[in-house]
Amino acid sequence: MLVTTMNIGLAYEVVGCFAGAYSDGLHAGKDFVARIKEFVGGRVTVYDRTIARVTEKAVEDMAQKAAEAGCDALIGVRHQMVLQSIGKGSTVFISTIGTGVRLKTAPGADLNQQESAKSIIQKLPLNTKLTLEELSD
């Protein structure tokens, strides 16, 4: 399934709005190391890895709901992150939202090109990076 922050440049019908969410905690040890790193400077890689993993899980949650509703793609996807310190650890929470669409043939469109693009999009693994130029080739 194609998941993108922009429009896809193909004819589609909107199925609905879909959301996903995921949270994960950092235990006190990792959080302590991260706080020291923040104090002395440098990149806090433990947060980077956690945020990337949590974002991927939230997108997977949203994409699964959209696929169950018969969507071919999610467009206009947005993410929101909350990092909250609780006691001796921190929790990362990501929520994601997007518009689920079902591809259809545009009036007057080249049917072979339209079906080819639809076929490509439906076979894409989650989080595939694909430009519109690559799709139209």
C-alpha atoms as a PDB file:
ATOM      1  CA  MET A   1       0.000   0.000   0.000  1.00  0.00           C
ATOM      2  CA  LEU A   2       1.244   3.470  -0.855  1.00  0.00           C
ATOM      3  CA  VAL A   3       1.436   5.782   2.171  1.00  0.00           C
ATOM      4  CA  THR A   4       2.315   9.365   1.281  1.00  0.00           C
ATOM      5  CA  THR A   5       2.103  12.883   2.694  1.00  0.00           C
ATOM      6  CA  MET A   6       1.063  14.289  -0.695  1.00  0.00           C
ATOM      7  CA  ASN A   7      -1.508  13.647  -3.397  1.00  0.00           C
ATOM      8  CA  ILE A   8      -0.882  10.762  -5.819  1.00  0.00           C
ATOM      9  CA  GLY A   9      -1.787  12.388  -9.144  1.00  0.00           C
ATOM     10  CA  LEU A  10      -4.218   9.613 -10.100  1.00  0.00           C
ATOM     11  CA  ALA A  11      -8.010   9.446 -10.078  1.00  0.00           C
ATOM     12  CA  TYR A  12      -9.401   8.110  -6.806  1.00  0.00           C
ATOM     13  CA  GLU A  13     -12.434   8.022  -4.596  1.00  0.00           C
ATOM     14  CA  VAL A  14     -12.124   8.857  -0.915  1.00  0.00           C
ATOM     15  CA  VAL A  15     -13.008   5.954   1.354  1.00  0.00           C
ATOM     16  CA  GLY A  16     -12.511   7.804   4.632  1.00  0.00           C
ATOM     17  CA  CYS A  17     -10.148   9.071   7.279  1.00  0.00           C
ATOM     18  CA  PHE A  18      -7.955   6.513   9.033  1.00  0.00           C
ATOM     19  CA  ALA A  19      -5.828   6.833  12.160  1.00  0.00           C
ATOM     20  CA  GLY A  20      -3.172   4.774  13.857  1.00  0.00           C
ATOM     21  CA  ALA A  21      -1.326   5.091  17.132  1.00  0.00           C
ATOM     22  CA  TYR A  22       1.500   3.437  18.999  1.00  0.00           C
ATOM     23  CA  SER A  23       3.479   4.153  22.143  1.00  0.00           C
ATOM     24  CA  ASP A  24       6.636   2.757  23.665  1.00  0.00           C
ATOM     25  CA  GLY A  25       8.533   3.445  26.827  1.00  0.00           C
ATOM     26  CA  LEU A  26      12.201   4.029  27.491  1.00  0.00           C
ATOM     27  CA  HIS A  27      13.378   2.331  30.634  1.00  0.00           C
ATOM     28  CA  ALA A  28      15.207   4.368  33.272  1.00  0.00           C
ATOM     29  CA  GLY A  29      18.687   3.273  32.127  1.00  0.00           C
ATOM     30  CA  LYS A  30      18.279   4.355  28.512  1.00  0.00           C
ATOM     31  CA  ASP A  31      16.481   7.515  29.576  1.00  0.00           C
ATOM     32  CA  PHE A  32      19.332   8.370  31.996  1.00  0.00           C
ATOM     33  CA  VAL A  33      21.950   7.980  29.241  1.00  0.00           C
ATOM     34  CA  ALA A  34      19.804  10.124  26.921  1.00  0.00           C
ATOM     35  CA  ARG A  35      19.534  12.881  29.530  1.00  0.00           C
ATOM     36  CA  ILE A  36      23.316  12.924  30.008  1.00  0.00           C
ATOM     37  CA  LYS A  37      23.752  13.133  26.235  1.00  0.00           C
ATOM     38  CA  GLU A  38      21.310  16.066  26.137  1.00  0.00           C
ATOM     39  CA  PHE A  39      23.355  17.817  28.825  1.00  0.00           C
ATOM     40  CA  VAL A  40      26.802  17.339  27.245  1.00  0.00           C
ATOM     41  CA  GLY A  41      25.581  17.652  23.660  1.00  0.00           C
ATOM     42  CA  GLY A  42      25.344  15.340  20.699  1.00  0.00           C
ATOM     43  CA  ARG A  43      22.730  13.261  19.033  1.00  0.00           C
ATOM     44  CA  VAL A  44      20.447  11.208  21.270  1.00  0.00           C
ATOM     45  CA  THR A  45      20.274   8.046  19.166  1.00  0.00           C
ATOM     46  CA  VAL A  46      18.158   6.103  21.660  1.00  0.00           C
ATOM     47  CA  TYR A  47      15.321   8.584  21.046  1.00  0.00           C
ATOM     48  CA  ASP A  48      15.912   8.467  17.261  1.00  0.00           C
ATOM     49  CA  ARG A  49      15.597   4.683  17.128  1.00  0.00           C
ATOM     50  CA  THR A  50      12.556   4.639  19.415  1.00  0.00           C
ATOM     51  CA  ILE A  51      10.764   7.378  17.455  1.00  0.00           C
ATOM     52  CA  ALA A  52      11.452   5.627  14.132  1.00  0.00           C
ATOM     53  CA  ARG A  53      10.155   2.292  15.460  1.00  0.00           C
ATOM     54  CA  VAL A  54       7.048   3.818  17.058  1.00  0.00           C
ATOM     55  CA  THR A  55       6.250   5.834  13.905  1.00  0.00           C
ATOM     56  CA  GLU A  56       6.523   2.718  11.748  1.00  0.00           C
ATOM     57  CA  LYS A  57       4.170   0.807  14.069  1.00  0.00           C
ATOM     58  CA  ALA A  58       1.609   3.658  14.045  1.00  0.00           C
ATOM     59  CA  VAL A  59       1.671   3.760  10.222  1.00  0.00           C
ATOM     60  CA  GLU A  60       1.291  -0.042  10.071  1.00  0.00           C
ATOM     61  CA  ASP A  61      -1.739   0.223  12.384  1.00  0.00           C
ATOM     62  CA  MET A  62      -3.332   2.885  10.172  1.00  0.00           C
ATOM     63  CA  ALA A  63      -2.503   1.030   6.917  1.00  0.00           C
ATOM     64  CA  GLN A  64      -4.003  -2.206   8.229  1.00  0.00           C
ATOM     65  CA  LYS A  65      -7.293  -0.445   9.024  1.00  0.00           C
ATOM     66  CA  ALA A  66      -7.313   1.189   5.569  1.00  0.00           C
ATOM     67  CA  ALA A  67      -6.542  -2.108   3.798  1.00  0.00           C
ATOM     68  CA  GLU A  68      -9.409  -3.818   5.658  1.00  0.00           C
ATOM     69  CA  ALA A  69     -11.711  -1.075   4.295  1.00  0.00           C
ATOM     70  CA  GLY A  70     -10.527  -1.752   0.724  1.00  0.00           C
ATOM     71  CA  CYS A  71      -8.180   1.203   0.275  1.00  0.00           C
ATOM     72  CA  ASP A  72      -5.383   1.150  -2.309  1.00  0.00           C
ATOM     73  CA  ALA A  73      -3.448   4.068  -0.822  1.00  0.00           C
ATOM     74  CA  LEU A  74      -3.284   6.544   2.062  1.00  0.00           C
ATOM     75  CA  ILE A  75      -2.672  10.170   1.088  1.00  0.00           C
ATOM     76  CA  GLY A  76      -2.147  13.354   3.093  1.00  0.00           C
ATOM     77  CA  VAL A  77      -0.610  11.392   5.965  1.00  0.00           C
ATOM     78  CA  ARG A  78       0.409  13.375   9.049  1.00  0.00           C
ATOM     79  CA  HIS A  79       2.135  12.361  12.282  1.00  0.00           C
ATOM     80  CA  GLN A  80       2.061  13.832  15.769  1.00  0.00           C
ATOM     81  CA  MET A  81       4.519  12.907  18.496  1.00  0.00           C
ATOM     82  CA  VAL A  82       4.386  13.310  22.255  1.00  0.00           C
ATOM     83  CA  LEU A  83       7.409  12.565  24.448  1.00  0.00           C
ATOM     84  CA  GLN A  84       6.357  12.383  28.073  1.00  0.00           C
ATOM     85  CA  SER A  85       8.468  11.774  31.147  1.00  0.00           C
ATOM     86  CA  ILE A  86       6.736   9.521  33.636  1.00  0.00           C
ATOM     87  CA  GLY A  87       8.500   8.695  36.862  1.00  0.00           C
ATOM     88  CA  LYS A  88      12.001   7.446  36.058  1.00  0.00           C
ATOM     89  CA  GLY A  89      11.382   6.795  32.356  1.00  0.00           C
ATOM     90  CA  SER A  90       9.897   8.376  29.254  1.00  0.00           C
ATOM     91  CA  THR A  91       7.144   7.359  26.882  1.00  0.00           C
ATOM     92  CA  VAL A  92       7.032   8.147  23.165  1.00  0.00           C
ATOM     93  CA  PHE A  93       3.539   8.310  21.655  1.00  0.00           C
ATOM     94  CA  ILE A  94       2.927   8.724  17.907  1.00  0.00           C
ATOM     95  CA  SER A  95      -0.459   9.235  16.327  1.00  0.00           C
ATOM     96  CA  THR A  96      -0.859   9.253  12.577  1.00  0.00           C
ATOM     97  CA  ILE A  97      -3.802  10.144  10.346  1.00  0.00           C
ATOM     98  CA  GLY A  98      -4.422   9.929   6.609  1.00  0.00           C
ATOM     99  CA  THR A  99      -7.077   9.809   3.918  1.00  0.00           C
ATOM    100  CA  GLY A 100      -7.774   6.344   2.571  1.00  0.00           C
ATOM    101  CA  VAL A 101      -8.491   6.211  -1.167  1.00  0.00           C
ATOM    102  CA  ARG A 102      -9.531   3.629  -3.730  1.00  0.00           C
ATOM    103  CA  LEU A 103      -8.003   4.173  -7.167  1.00  0.00           C
ATOM    104  CA  LYS A 104     -10.315   4.481 -10.144  1.00  0.00           C
ATOM    105  CA  THR A 105     -10.018   5.252 -13.826  1.00  0.00           C
ATOM    106  CA  ALA A 106     -10.152   8.945 -14.717  1.00  0.00           C
ATOM    107  CA  PRO A 107     -12.466   9.989 -17.572  1.00  0.00           C
ATOM    108  CA  GLY A 108     -10.450  10.228 -20.791  1.00  0.00           C
ATOM    109  CA  ALA A 109      -7.361   8.692 -19.166  1.00  0.00           C
ATOM    110  CA  ASP A 110      -5.050   6.244 -20.891  1.00  0.00           C
ATOM    111  CA  LEU A 111      -6.482   3.007 -19.452  1.00  0.00           C
ATOM    112  CA  ASN A 112      -3.238   1.062 -19.833  1.00  0.00           C
ATOM    113  CA  GLN A 113      -1.234   3.705 -17.980  1.00  0.00           C
ATOM    114  CA  GLN A 114      -3.917   4.068 -15.284  1.00  0.00           C
ATOM    115  CA  GLU A 115      -4.163   0.304 -14.694  1.00  0.00           C
ATOM    116  CA  SER A 116      -0.373  -0.031 -14.721  1.00  0.00           C
ATOM    117  CA  ALA A 117      -0.039   2.692 -12.055  1.00  0.00           C
ATOM    118  CA  LYS A 118      -2.818   1.096  -9.988  1.00  0.00           C
ATOM    119  CA  SER A 119      -1.117  -2.297 -10.229  1.00  0.00           C
ATOM    120  CA  ILE A 120       2.213  -0.813  -9.084  1.00  0.00           C
ATOM    121  CA  ILE A 121       0.644   0.990  -6.115  1.00  0.00           C
ATOM    122  CA  GLN A 122      -1.288  -2.058  -4.929  1.00  0.00           C
ATOM    123  CA  LYS A 123       1.894  -4.170  -4.845  1.00  0.00           C
ATOM    124  CA  LEU A 124       4.020  -1.659  -2.920  1.00  0.00           C
ATOM    125  CA  PRO A 125       5.260  -2.662   0.519  1.00  0.00           C
ATOM    126  CA  LEU A 126       4.469  -0.295   3.374  1.00  0.00           C
ATOM    127  CA  ASN A 127       6.536   2.942   3.535  1.00  0.00           C
ATOM    128  CA  THR A 128       7.849   2.703  -0.037  1.00  0.00           C
ATOM    129  CA  LYS A 129       9.469   5.913  -1.244  1.00  0.00           C
ATOM    130  CA  LEU A 130       8.201   6.551  -4.776  1.00  0.00           C
ATOM    131  CA  THR A 131       8.063   9.786  -6.772  1.00  0.00           C
ATOM    132  CA  LEU A 132       5.288  10.620  -9.199  1.00  0.00           C
ATOM    133  CA  GLU A 133       7.850  10.585 -12.029  1.00  0.00           C
ATOM    134  CA  GLU A 134       8.757   6.970 -11.195  1.00  0.00           C
ATOM    135  CA  LEU A 135       5.088   6.038 -11.095  1.00  0.00           C
ATOM    136  CA  SER A 136       4.344   7.568 -14.509  1.00  0.00           C
ATOM    137  CA  ASP A 137       7.274   5.792 -16.268  1.00  0.00           C
END
